[in-house]
Amino acid sequence: MVEKIIVHDRRFKLYLSEEKIQEQVRRVAAEVSRDLRDKDVVLCPVLTGSYMFFADLTRYLDFDPDIAFVRYSSYSGTQSTGQVKAILGFPEKCRGRHVVIVEDIVDSGISMEYMIQELSKLEPASISICTFFFKPGNFQKSFPINYIGMEIPNDFIVGYGLDYDGKGRTFKDIYTIDE
């Protein structure tokens, strides 16, 4: 475990170890399994940030869901632009099925609200939100988040799939800005 890292021009310090991350992933997977194991489920991980959480989550599930990757973007550097761009939208196979949007982090909720609106056009049986991180202090929307790994303050973090301008995703631990 590395205590400090540098990504681009910023210094980061350890915030959450791999062991603590995995404890929370196992807990969330147990909740998802309990609620959805007997349903026709499509998991939709949001690329690129959720890839590590998604991979770990699926290893701990006790059922075999269908998978459809999606990609939406609203960040530039350390800030949300407020504009959501669909790069790879929800596929037709989500129609009439129980869809779980798997995200790395729900911050303001702007991107997720946009994704929910887009997915709703396909008339899924249900929509659930599963995120590893949730920032309640920055959340501006009112939709429910069904599965939350951890609530965190409004700090910028990298690692475990989360990036700073494309870098820092591959660290197995989570780091926060050290200023």
N, C-alpha and C. Protein backbone atom coordinates (compact mmCIF):
# COMPACT_ATOMS: atom_id res chain seq x y z
N MET A 1 0.85 -1.17 0.00
CA MET A 1 0.00 0.00 0.00
C MET A 1 0.90 1.24 0.00
N VAL A 2 0.67 2.10 -0.97
CA VAL A 2 1.45 3.33 -1.12
C VAL A 2 0.70 4.46 -0.41
N GLU A 3 1.41 5.21 0.42
CA GLU A 3 0.77 6.27 1.22
C GLU A 3 0.51 7.55 0.43
N LYS A 4 1.41 7.89 -0.52
CA LYS A 4 1.26 9.12 -1.29
C LYS A 4 1.58 8.85 -2.75
N ILE A 5 0.86 9.53 -3.63
CA ILE A 5 1.09 9.41 -5.07
C ILE A 5 1.02 10.80 -5.70
N ILE A 6 1.53 10.89 -6.90
CA ILE A 6 1.41 12.11 -7.70
C ILE A 6 0.72 11.72 -9.01
N VAL A 7 -0.34 12.44 -9.35
CA VAL A 7 -1.04 12.24 -10.61
C VAL A 7 -1.06 13.59 -11.31
N HIS A 8 -0.48 13.63 -12.50
CA HIS A 8 -0.28 14.89 -13.23
C HIS A 8 0.42 15.88 -12.30
N ASP A 9 -0.23 16.98 -11.99
CA ASP A 9 0.39 18.05 -11.19
C ASP A 9 -0.07 18.05 -9.73
N ARG A 10 -0.79 17.01 -9.30
CA ARG A 10 -1.39 17.00 -7.98
C ARG A 10 -0.83 15.89 -7.10
N ARG A 11 -0.69 16.21 -5.80
CA ARG A 11 -0.28 15.21 -4.81
C ARG A 11 -1.54 14.65 -4.16
N PHE A 12 -1.53 13.34 -3.92
CA PHE A 12 -2.66 12.65 -3.30
C PHE A 12 -2.13 11.81 -2.14
N LYS A 13 -2.96 11.66 -1.11
CA LYS A 13 -2.61 10.81 0.03
C LYS A 13 -3.64 9.70 0.15
N LEU A 14 -3.23 8.60 0.78
CA LEU A 14 -4.09 7.44 0.95
C LEU A 14 -5.37 7.83 1.68
N TYR A 15 -6.49 7.41 1.16
CA TYR A 15 -7.79 7.68 1.77
C TYR A 15 -8.47 6.39 2.21
N LEU A 16 -8.36 5.34 1.38
CA LEU A 16 -9.06 4.09 1.66
C LEU A 16 -8.26 2.92 1.08
N SER A 17 -7.97 1.94 1.93
CA SER A 17 -7.16 0.80 1.49
C SER A 17 -7.99 -0.20 0.69
N GLU A 18 -7.28 -1.01 -0.06
CA GLU A 18 -7.90 -2.06 -0.86
C GLU A 18 -8.75 -2.99 0.02
N GLU A 19 -8.26 -3.32 1.21
CA GLU A 19 -8.99 -4.21 2.10
C GLU A 19 -10.34 -3.63 2.49
N LYS A 20 -10.37 -2.35 2.83
CA LYS A 20 -11.64 -1.70 3.22
C LYS A 20 -12.58 -1.59 2.01
N ILE A 21 -12.01 -1.34 0.84
CA ILE A 21 -12.80 -1.28 -0.38
C ILE A 21 -13.50 -2.62 -0.60
N GLN A 22 -12.74 -3.70 -0.51
CA GLN A 22 -13.30 -5.03 -0.77
C GLN A 22 -14.37 -5.42 0.25
N GLU A 23 -14.22 -5.01 1.49
CA GLU A 23 -15.27 -5.26 2.51
C GLU A 23 -16.60 -4.65 2.05
N GLN A 24 -16.54 -3.41 1.57
CA GLN A 24 -17.75 -2.72 1.15
C GLN A 24 -18.32 -3.31 -0.14
N VAL A 25 -17.46 -3.73 -1.04
CA VAL A 25 -17.92 -4.34 -2.29
C VAL A 25 -18.67 -5.64 -1.97
N ARG A 26 -18.13 -6.45 -1.07
CA ARG A 26 -18.80 -7.70 -0.68
C ARG A 26 -20.18 -7.41 -0.08
N ARG A 27 -20.26 -6.38 0.76
CA ARG A 27 -21.53 -6.02 1.38
C ARG A 27 -22.56 -5.61 0.33
N VAL A 28 -22.15 -4.75 -0.60
CA VAL A 28 -23.05 -4.28 -1.65
C VAL A 28 -23.49 -5.46 -2.53
N ALA A 29 -22.57 -6.35 -2.88
CA ALA A 29 -22.91 -7.51 -3.70
C ALA A 29 -23.94 -8.39 -3.00
N ALA A 30 -23.81 -8.54 -1.70
CA ALA A 30 -24.79 -9.34 -0.94
C ALA A 30 -26.17 -8.69 -1.00
N GLU A 31 -26.22 -7.35 -0.92
CA GLU A 31 -27.50 -6.64 -1.00
C GLU A 31 -28.13 -6.78 -2.39
N VAL A 32 -27.32 -6.61 -3.42
CA VAL A 32 -27.82 -6.75 -4.79
C VAL A 32 -28.30 -8.18 -5.02
N SER A 33 -27.54 -9.15 -4.58
CA SER A 33 -27.92 -10.56 -4.74
C SER A 33 -29.23 -10.85 -4.03
N ARG A 34 -29.36 -10.39 -2.81
CA ARG A 34 -30.59 -10.61 -2.03
C ARG A 34 -31.82 -10.07 -2.76
N ASP A 35 -31.69 -8.89 -3.35
CA ASP A 35 -32.83 -8.23 -3.96
C ASP A 35 -33.13 -8.69 -5.39
N LEU A 36 -32.12 -9.13 -6.12
CA LEU A 36 -32.30 -9.33 -7.56
C LEU A 36 -32.00 -10.72 -8.09
N ARG A 37 -31.56 -11.64 -7.27
CA ARG A 37 -31.11 -12.95 -7.77
C ARG A 37 -32.19 -13.70 -8.55
N ASP A 38 -33.45 -13.45 -8.25
CA ASP A 38 -34.53 -14.19 -8.93
C ASP A 38 -35.19 -13.38 -10.04
N LYS A 39 -34.56 -12.33 -10.49
CA LYS A 39 -35.13 -11.47 -11.53
C LYS A 39 -34.29 -11.53 -12.81
N ASP A 40 -34.86 -11.02 -13.89
CA ASP A 40 -34.16 -10.95 -15.17
C ASP A 40 -33.37 -9.64 -15.20
N VAL A 41 -32.11 -9.70 -14.82
CA VAL A 41 -31.30 -8.51 -14.54
C VAL A 41 -30.29 -8.23 -15.64
N VAL A 42 -30.15 -6.93 -15.94
CA VAL A 42 -29.07 -6.44 -16.79
C VAL A 42 -28.28 -5.44 -15.95
N LEU A 43 -27.01 -5.70 -15.75
CA LEU A 43 -26.14 -4.74 -15.08
C LEU A 43 -25.52 -3.86 -16.14
N CYS A 44 -25.58 -2.54 -15.94
CA CYS A 44 -25.02 -1.58 -16.89
C CYS A 44 -23.93 -0.76 -16.20
N PRO A 45 -22.70 -1.25 -16.24
CA PRO A 45 -21.60 -0.47 -15.68
C PRO A 45 -21.31 0.74 -16.56
N VAL A 46 -21.06 1.87 -15.90
CA VAL A 46 -20.78 3.11 -16.61
C VAL A 46 -19.26 3.23 -16.76
N LEU A 47 -18.81 3.17 -18.00
CA LEU A 47 -17.38 3.29 -18.28
C LEU A 47 -16.96 4.74 -18.24
N THR A 48 -15.79 5.04 -17.88
CA THR A 48 -14.73 4.08 -17.63
C THR A 48 -14.54 3.86 -16.14
N GLY A 49 -15.00 4.79 -15.35
CA GLY A 49 -14.70 4.78 -13.92
C GLY A 49 -15.15 3.59 -13.13
N SER A 50 -16.25 2.96 -13.51
CA SER A 50 -16.79 1.87 -12.68
C SER A 50 -16.15 0.51 -12.95
N TYR A 51 -15.19 0.43 -13.86
CA TYR A 51 -14.73 -0.88 -14.30
C TYR A 51 -14.16 -1.73 -13.17
N MET A 52 -13.42 -1.16 -12.23
CA MET A 52 -12.85 -1.97 -11.15
C MET A 52 -13.93 -2.39 -10.16
N PHE A 53 -14.78 -1.45 -9.76
CA PHE A 53 -15.89 -1.76 -8.86
C PHE A 53 -16.79 -2.82 -9.49
N PHE A 54 -17.13 -2.63 -10.74
CA PHE A 54 -18.01 -3.57 -11.44
C PHE A 54 -17.41 -4.97 -11.47
N ALA A 55 -16.14 -5.08 -11.84
CA ALA A 55 -15.50 -6.39 -11.91
C ALA A 55 -15.52 -7.07 -10.55
N ASP A 56 -15.19 -6.35 -9.49
CA ASP A 56 -15.22 -6.94 -8.16
C ASP A 56 -16.64 -7.28 -7.73
N LEU A 57 -17.57 -6.39 -7.98
CA LEU A 57 -18.97 -6.61 -7.61
C LEU A 57 -19.49 -7.91 -8.22
N THR A 58 -19.25 -8.11 -9.51
CA THR A 58 -19.79 -9.29 -10.18
C THR A 58 -19.16 -10.59 -9.66
N ARG A 59 -17.93 -10.53 -9.19
CA ARG A 59 -17.30 -11.73 -8.62
C ARG A 59 -17.98 -12.18 -7.33
N TYR A 60 -18.60 -11.22 -6.61
CA TYR A 60 -19.23 -11.53 -5.33
C TYR A 60 -20.73 -11.79 -5.45
N LEU A 61 -21.33 -11.56 -6.61
CA LEU A 61 -22.76 -11.83 -6.77
C LEU A 61 -23.01 -13.34 -6.74
N ASP A 62 -24.20 -13.73 -6.28
CA ASP A 62 -24.52 -15.15 -6.27
C ASP A 62 -25.50 -15.52 -7.39
N PHE A 63 -25.54 -14.69 -8.43
CA PHE A 63 -26.33 -14.98 -9.62
C PHE A 63 -25.57 -14.47 -10.84
N ASP A 64 -26.04 -14.83 -12.02
CA ASP A 64 -25.33 -14.53 -13.26
C ASP A 64 -26.15 -13.55 -14.11
N PRO A 65 -25.94 -12.24 -13.92
CA PRO A 65 -26.73 -11.25 -14.67
C PRO A 65 -26.21 -11.06 -16.09
N ASP A 66 -27.05 -10.48 -16.93
CA ASP A 66 -26.62 -10.04 -18.25
C ASP A 66 -25.85 -8.73 -18.03
N ILE A 67 -25.01 -8.36 -18.99
CA ILE A 67 -24.17 -7.15 -18.85
C ILE A 67 -24.26 -6.32 -20.12
N ALA A 68 -24.38 -5.01 -19.94
CA ALA A 68 -24.36 -4.08 -21.08
C ALA A 68 -23.60 -2.82 -20.64
N PHE A 69 -22.43 -2.63 -21.18
CA PHE A 69 -21.63 -1.45 -20.84
C PHE A 69 -22.23 -0.20 -21.45
N VAL A 70 -22.18 0.90 -20.69
CA VAL A 70 -22.60 2.21 -21.19
C VAL A 70 -21.50 3.21 -20.86
N ARG A 71 -21.53 4.33 -21.57
CA ARG A 71 -20.51 5.35 -21.29
C ARG A 71 -21.11 6.73 -21.46
N TYR A 72 -21.05 7.48 -20.38
CA TYR A 72 -21.51 8.87 -20.34
C TYR A 72 -20.40 9.67 -19.70
N SER A 73 -20.29 10.94 -20.07
CA SER A 73 -19.20 11.75 -19.54
C SER A 73 -19.69 13.15 -19.21
N SER A 74 -19.18 13.69 -18.10
CA SER A 74 -19.49 15.08 -17.74
C SER A 74 -18.33 15.77 -17.04
N TYR A 75 -17.20 15.08 -16.90
CA TYR A 75 -16.07 15.66 -16.16
C TYR A 75 -14.97 16.18 -17.07
N SER A 76 -14.33 17.23 -16.59
CA SER A 76 -13.12 17.75 -17.20
C SER A 76 -12.20 18.12 -16.05
N GLY A 77 -11.06 17.45 -15.95
CA GLY A 77 -10.15 17.69 -14.82
C GLY A 77 -10.78 17.20 -13.53
N THR A 78 -10.89 18.08 -12.54
CA THR A 78 -11.44 17.71 -11.23
C THR A 78 -12.87 18.19 -11.07
N GLN A 79 -13.46 18.77 -12.09
CA GLN A 79 -14.80 19.37 -11.98
C GLN A 79 -15.76 18.80 -13.02
N SER A 80 -17.04 18.73 -12.61
CA SER A 80 -18.09 18.37 -13.55
C SER A 80 -18.35 19.57 -14.45
N THR A 81 -18.60 19.32 -15.72
CA THR A 81 -18.91 20.40 -16.65
C THR A 81 -20.38 20.79 -16.57
N GLY A 82 -21.19 19.91 -15.98
CA GLY A 82 -22.63 20.16 -15.93
C GLY A 82 -23.34 19.72 -17.20
N GLN A 83 -22.59 19.35 -18.22
CA GLN A 83 -23.13 18.89 -19.49
C GLN A 83 -22.82 17.39 -19.62
N VAL A 84 -23.86 16.59 -19.83
CA VAL A 84 -23.68 15.14 -19.95
C VAL A 84 -23.67 14.76 -21.42
N LYS A 85 -22.71 13.93 -21.76
CA LYS A 85 -22.56 13.49 -23.14
C LYS A 85 -22.67 11.96 -23.18
N ALA A 86 -23.58 11.45 -24.01
CA ALA A 86 -23.72 10.00 -24.20
C ALA A 86 -22.71 9.55 -25.24
N ILE A 87 -21.83 8.66 -24.85
CA ILE A 87 -20.84 8.12 -25.77
C ILE A 87 -21.26 6.73 -26.23
N LEU A 88 -21.80 5.94 -25.30
CA LEU A 88 -22.33 4.61 -25.58
C LEU A 88 -23.58 4.44 -24.71
N GLY A 89 -24.74 4.57 -25.32
CA GLY A 89 -26.00 4.57 -24.59
C GLY A 89 -26.51 3.18 -24.21
N PHE A 90 -27.66 3.15 -23.56
CA PHE A 90 -28.28 1.90 -23.13
C PHE A 90 -28.81 1.12 -24.34
N PRO A 91 -28.56 -0.19 -24.38
CA PRO A 91 -29.01 -0.98 -25.51
C PRO A 91 -30.47 -1.44 -25.37
N GLU A 92 -31.03 -1.85 -26.46
CA GLU A 92 -32.41 -2.33 -26.51
C GLU A 92 -32.66 -3.50 -25.55
N LYS A 93 -31.65 -4.30 -25.27
CA LYS A 93 -31.86 -5.47 -24.40
C LYS A 93 -32.25 -5.08 -22.97
N CYS A 94 -32.21 -3.79 -22.64
CA CYS A 94 -32.67 -3.33 -21.32
C CYS A 94 -34.19 -3.25 -21.24
N ARG A 95 -34.86 -3.24 -22.38
CA ARG A 95 -36.32 -3.10 -22.42
C ARG A 95 -36.99 -4.23 -21.64
N GLY A 96 -37.87 -3.85 -20.70
CA GLY A 96 -38.67 -4.81 -19.96
C GLY A 96 -37.92 -5.60 -18.90
N ARG A 97 -36.67 -5.27 -18.66
CA ARG A 97 -35.85 -6.03 -17.70
C ARG A 97 -35.49 -5.16 -16.50
N HIS A 98 -35.00 -5.80 -15.45
CA HIS A 98 -34.56 -5.09 -14.25
C HIS A 98 -33.12 -4.63 -14.48
N VAL A 99 -32.95 -3.32 -14.59
CA VAL A 99 -31.65 -2.76 -14.96
C VAL A 99 -31.01 -2.11 -13.73
N VAL A 100 -29.74 -2.43 -13.53
CA VAL A 100 -28.95 -1.82 -12.46
C VAL A 100 -27.85 -1.01 -13.12
N ILE A 101 -27.87 0.31 -12.91
CA ILE A 101 -26.80 1.17 -13.38
C ILE A 101 -25.69 1.11 -12.33
N VAL A 102 -24.51 0.66 -12.73
CA VAL A 102 -23.38 0.52 -11.80
C VAL A 102 -22.40 1.65 -12.07
N GLU A 103 -22.21 2.49 -11.06
CA GLU A 103 -21.39 3.70 -11.20
C GLU A 103 -20.27 3.69 -10.16
N ASP A 104 -19.18 4.36 -10.47
CA ASP A 104 -18.09 4.49 -9.50
C ASP A 104 -18.46 5.50 -8.41
N ILE A 105 -19.08 6.62 -8.83
CA ILE A 105 -19.38 7.69 -7.87
C ILE A 105 -20.60 8.48 -8.34
N VAL A 106 -21.48 8.79 -7.40
CA VAL A 106 -22.57 9.72 -7.67
C VAL A 106 -22.25 10.97 -6.86
N ASP A 107 -22.07 12.05 -7.59
CA ASP A 107 -21.63 13.31 -7.01
C ASP A 107 -22.84 14.26 -6.99
N SER A 108 -22.98 15.12 -7.96
CA SER A 108 -24.12 16.05 -8.01
C SER A 108 -25.41 15.33 -8.39
N GLY A 109 -25.28 14.23 -9.13
CA GLY A 109 -26.45 13.49 -9.60
C GLY A 109 -26.89 13.89 -10.99
N ILE A 110 -26.25 14.90 -11.58
CA ILE A 110 -26.63 15.39 -12.90
C ILE A 110 -26.48 14.31 -13.96
N SER A 111 -25.33 13.64 -13.99
CA SER A 111 -25.11 12.59 -14.99
C SER A 111 -26.08 11.43 -14.78
N MET A 112 -26.26 11.03 -13.53
CA MET A 112 -27.14 9.90 -13.26
C MET A 112 -28.59 10.22 -13.64
N GLU A 113 -29.04 11.42 -13.35
CA GLU A 113 -30.40 11.81 -13.72
C GLU A 113 -30.58 11.71 -15.23
N TYR A 114 -29.59 12.16 -15.97
CA TYR A 114 -29.62 12.08 -17.43
C TYR A 114 -29.70 10.62 -17.88
N MET A 115 -28.88 9.76 -17.26
CA MET A 115 -28.88 8.34 -17.63
C MET A 115 -30.24 7.70 -17.31
N ILE A 116 -30.82 8.03 -16.18
CA ILE A 116 -32.13 7.48 -15.82
C ILE A 116 -33.18 7.89 -16.85
N GLN A 117 -33.14 9.15 -17.27
CA GLN A 117 -34.08 9.62 -18.29
C GLN A 117 -33.90 8.87 -19.60
N GLU A 118 -32.66 8.66 -20.00
CA GLU A 118 -32.38 7.93 -21.24
C GLU A 118 -32.83 6.47 -21.14
N LEU A 119 -32.50 5.83 -20.04
CA LEU A 119 -32.87 4.44 -19.84
C LEU A 119 -34.39 4.27 -19.77
N SER A 120 -35.08 5.21 -19.17
CA SER A 120 -36.55 5.13 -19.03
C SER A 120 -37.25 5.03 -20.38
N LYS A 121 -36.65 5.57 -21.43
CA LYS A 121 -37.23 5.50 -22.77
C LYS A 121 -37.35 4.05 -23.25
N LEU A 122 -36.55 3.15 -22.69
CA LEU A 122 -36.59 1.74 -23.06
C LEU A 122 -37.59 0.95 -22.21
N GLU A 123 -38.28 1.61 -21.30
CA GLU A 123 -39.30 1.01 -20.45
C GLU A 123 -38.82 -0.26 -19.75
N PRO A 124 -37.76 -0.15 -18.94
CA PRO A 124 -37.31 -1.32 -18.19
C PRO A 124 -38.33 -1.68 -17.10
N ALA A 125 -38.28 -2.93 -16.62
CA ALA A 125 -39.16 -3.35 -15.53
C ALA A 125 -38.86 -2.55 -14.27
N SER A 126 -37.58 -2.25 -14.04
CA SER A 126 -37.18 -1.40 -12.92
C SER A 126 -35.79 -0.85 -13.21
N ILE A 127 -35.48 0.24 -12.50
CA ILE A 127 -34.15 0.85 -12.59
C ILE A 127 -33.62 0.97 -11.17
N SER A 128 -32.44 0.41 -10.93
CA SER A 128 -31.76 0.55 -9.65
C SER A 128 -30.42 1.22 -9.88
N ILE A 129 -29.98 1.98 -8.90
CA ILE A 129 -28.68 2.64 -8.96
C ILE A 129 -27.77 1.98 -7.94
N CYS A 130 -26.59 1.58 -8.37
CA CYS A 130 -25.58 0.98 -7.51
C CYS A 130 -24.29 1.78 -7.71
N THR A 131 -23.84 2.44 -6.66
CA THR A 131 -22.61 3.23 -6.76
C THR A 131 -21.67 2.87 -5.63
N PHE A 132 -20.38 2.90 -5.92
CA PHE A 132 -19.45 2.63 -4.83
C PHE A 132 -19.36 3.83 -3.91
N PHE A 133 -19.22 5.03 -4.48
CA PHE A 133 -19.14 6.24 -3.67
C PHE A 133 -20.34 7.13 -3.91
N PHE A 134 -20.79 7.79 -2.85
CA PHE A 134 -21.88 8.76 -2.92
C PHE A 134 -21.46 9.98 -2.10
N LYS A 135 -21.63 11.17 -2.71
CA LYS A 135 -21.32 12.43 -2.03
C LYS A 135 -22.62 13.15 -1.68
N PRO A 136 -23.21 12.83 -0.53
CA PRO A 136 -24.51 13.44 -0.18
C PRO A 136 -24.44 14.96 -0.05
N GLY A 137 -23.29 15.50 0.31
CA GLY A 137 -23.14 16.94 0.46
C GLY A 137 -23.17 17.71 -0.84
N ASN A 138 -22.99 17.01 -1.96
CA ASN A 138 -22.98 17.65 -3.27
C ASN A 138 -24.18 17.23 -4.12
N PHE A 139 -24.98 16.28 -3.62
CA PHE A 139 -26.09 15.71 -4.38
C PHE A 139 -27.20 16.74 -4.55
N GLN A 140 -27.60 16.99 -5.80
CA GLN A 140 -28.59 18.02 -6.11
C GLN A 140 -29.91 17.46 -6.60
N LYS A 141 -30.07 16.17 -6.63
CA LYS A 141 -31.26 15.54 -7.22
C LYS A 141 -32.06 14.80 -6.14
N SER A 142 -33.17 14.17 -6.55
CA SER A 142 -34.02 13.50 -5.56
C SER A 142 -34.27 12.03 -5.85
N PHE A 143 -33.68 11.46 -6.90
CA PHE A 143 -33.89 10.05 -7.18
C PHE A 143 -33.20 9.18 -6.11
N PRO A 144 -33.75 7.99 -5.87
CA PRO A 144 -33.13 7.12 -4.86
C PRO A 144 -31.88 6.43 -5.39
N ILE A 145 -30.96 6.19 -4.50
CA ILE A 145 -29.77 5.40 -4.82
C ILE A 145 -29.91 4.12 -4.01
N ASN A 146 -30.09 3.03 -4.69
CA ASN A 146 -30.46 1.77 -4.05
C ASN A 146 -29.32 1.08 -3.32
N TYR A 147 -28.13 1.16 -3.86
CA TYR A 147 -26.98 0.46 -3.28
C TYR A 147 -25.79 1.41 -3.24
N ILE A 148 -25.27 1.63 -2.03
CA ILE A 148 -24.16 2.57 -1.84
C ILE A 148 -23.03 1.86 -1.09
N GLY A 149 -21.85 1.89 -1.69
CA GLY A 149 -20.69 1.33 -1.01
C GLY A 149 -20.28 2.18 0.18
N MET A 150 -20.09 3.48 -0.07
CA MET A 150 -19.67 4.41 0.98
C MET A 150 -20.14 5.82 0.68
N GLU A 151 -20.54 6.54 1.72
CA GLU A 151 -20.77 7.97 1.60
C GLU A 151 -19.46 8.66 1.97
N ILE A 152 -19.11 9.68 1.18
CA ILE A 152 -17.85 10.40 1.42
C ILE A 152 -18.10 11.90 1.34
N PRO A 153 -17.19 12.69 1.92
CA PRO A 153 -17.31 14.14 1.78
C PRO A 153 -17.02 14.57 0.35
N ASN A 154 -17.19 15.85 0.09
CA ASN A 154 -17.02 16.37 -1.27
C ASN A 154 -15.55 16.59 -1.60
N ASP A 155 -14.75 15.55 -1.46
CA ASP A 155 -13.33 15.59 -1.79
C ASP A 155 -13.11 14.94 -3.15
N PHE A 156 -12.08 15.39 -3.86
CA PHE A 156 -11.74 14.77 -5.14
C PHE A 156 -10.86 13.56 -4.86
N ILE A 157 -11.22 12.41 -5.41
CA ILE A 157 -10.48 11.18 -5.17
C ILE A 157 -10.07 10.52 -6.48
N VAL A 158 -9.01 9.72 -6.41
CA VAL A 158 -8.54 8.93 -7.55
C VAL A 158 -8.22 7.52 -7.07
N GLY A 159 -8.13 6.61 -8.03
CA GLY A 159 -7.82 5.22 -7.75
C GLY A 159 -9.06 4.37 -7.84
N TYR A 160 -8.87 3.07 -7.93
CA TYR A 160 -9.97 2.11 -8.01
C TYR A 160 -10.96 2.49 -9.11
N GLY A 161 -10.41 2.92 -10.24
CA GLY A 161 -11.22 3.27 -11.41
C GLY A 161 -11.44 4.76 -11.60
N LEU A 162 -11.34 5.53 -10.53
CA LEU A 162 -11.57 6.98 -10.63
C LEU A 162 -10.29 7.67 -11.08
N ASP A 163 -10.45 8.70 -11.92
CA ASP A 163 -9.27 9.31 -12.53
C ASP A 163 -9.22 10.81 -12.34
N TYR A 164 -8.07 11.33 -12.64
CA TYR A 164 -7.84 12.76 -12.76
C TYR A 164 -7.28 12.97 -14.16
N ASP A 165 -8.10 13.50 -15.05
CA ASP A 165 -7.74 13.69 -16.46
C ASP A 165 -7.12 12.43 -17.08
N GLY A 166 -7.78 11.28 -16.85
CA GLY A 166 -7.37 10.04 -17.48
C GLY A 166 -6.32 9.23 -16.76
N LYS A 167 -5.73 9.75 -15.70
CA LYS A 167 -4.68 9.04 -14.97
C LYS A 167 -5.14 8.74 -13.55
N GLY A 168 -4.48 7.76 -12.92
CA GLY A 168 -4.76 7.42 -11.53
C GLY A 168 -5.78 6.31 -11.35
N ARG A 169 -6.38 5.83 -12.41
CA ARG A 169 -7.44 4.81 -12.31
C ARG A 169 -6.95 3.46 -11.79
N THR A 170 -5.73 3.10 -12.08
CA THR A 170 -5.27 1.73 -11.86
C THR A 170 -4.80 1.44 -10.44
N PHE A 171 -4.77 2.43 -9.57
CA PHE A 171 -4.38 2.17 -8.19
C PHE A 171 -5.46 1.34 -7.51
N LYS A 172 -5.05 0.33 -6.72
CA LYS A 172 -6.02 -0.53 -6.05
C LYS A 172 -6.58 0.11 -4.78
N ASP A 173 -5.95 1.17 -4.31
CA ASP A 173 -6.43 1.93 -3.16
C ASP A 173 -7.04 3.24 -3.66
N ILE A 174 -7.69 3.98 -2.77
CA ILE A 174 -8.28 5.28 -3.10
C ILE A 174 -7.43 6.37 -2.44
N TYR A 175 -7.21 7.44 -3.19
CA TYR A 175 -6.41 8.58 -2.72
C TYR A 175 -7.21 9.86 -2.83
N THR A 176 -6.92 10.81 -1.93
CA THR A 176 -7.56 12.11 -1.96
C THR A 176 -6.48 13.19 -2.08
N ILE A 177 -6.85 14.35 -2.60
CA ILE A 177 -5.89 15.44 -2.80
C ILE A 177 -5.24 15.80 -1.47
N ASP A 178 -3.93 15.95 -1.49
CA ASP A 178 -3.13 16.27 -0.29
C ASP A 178 -2.57 17.67 -0.47
N GLU A 179 -3.29 18.67 0.07
CA GLU A 179 -2.83 20.04 -0.09
C GLU A 179 -2.72 20.73 1.24
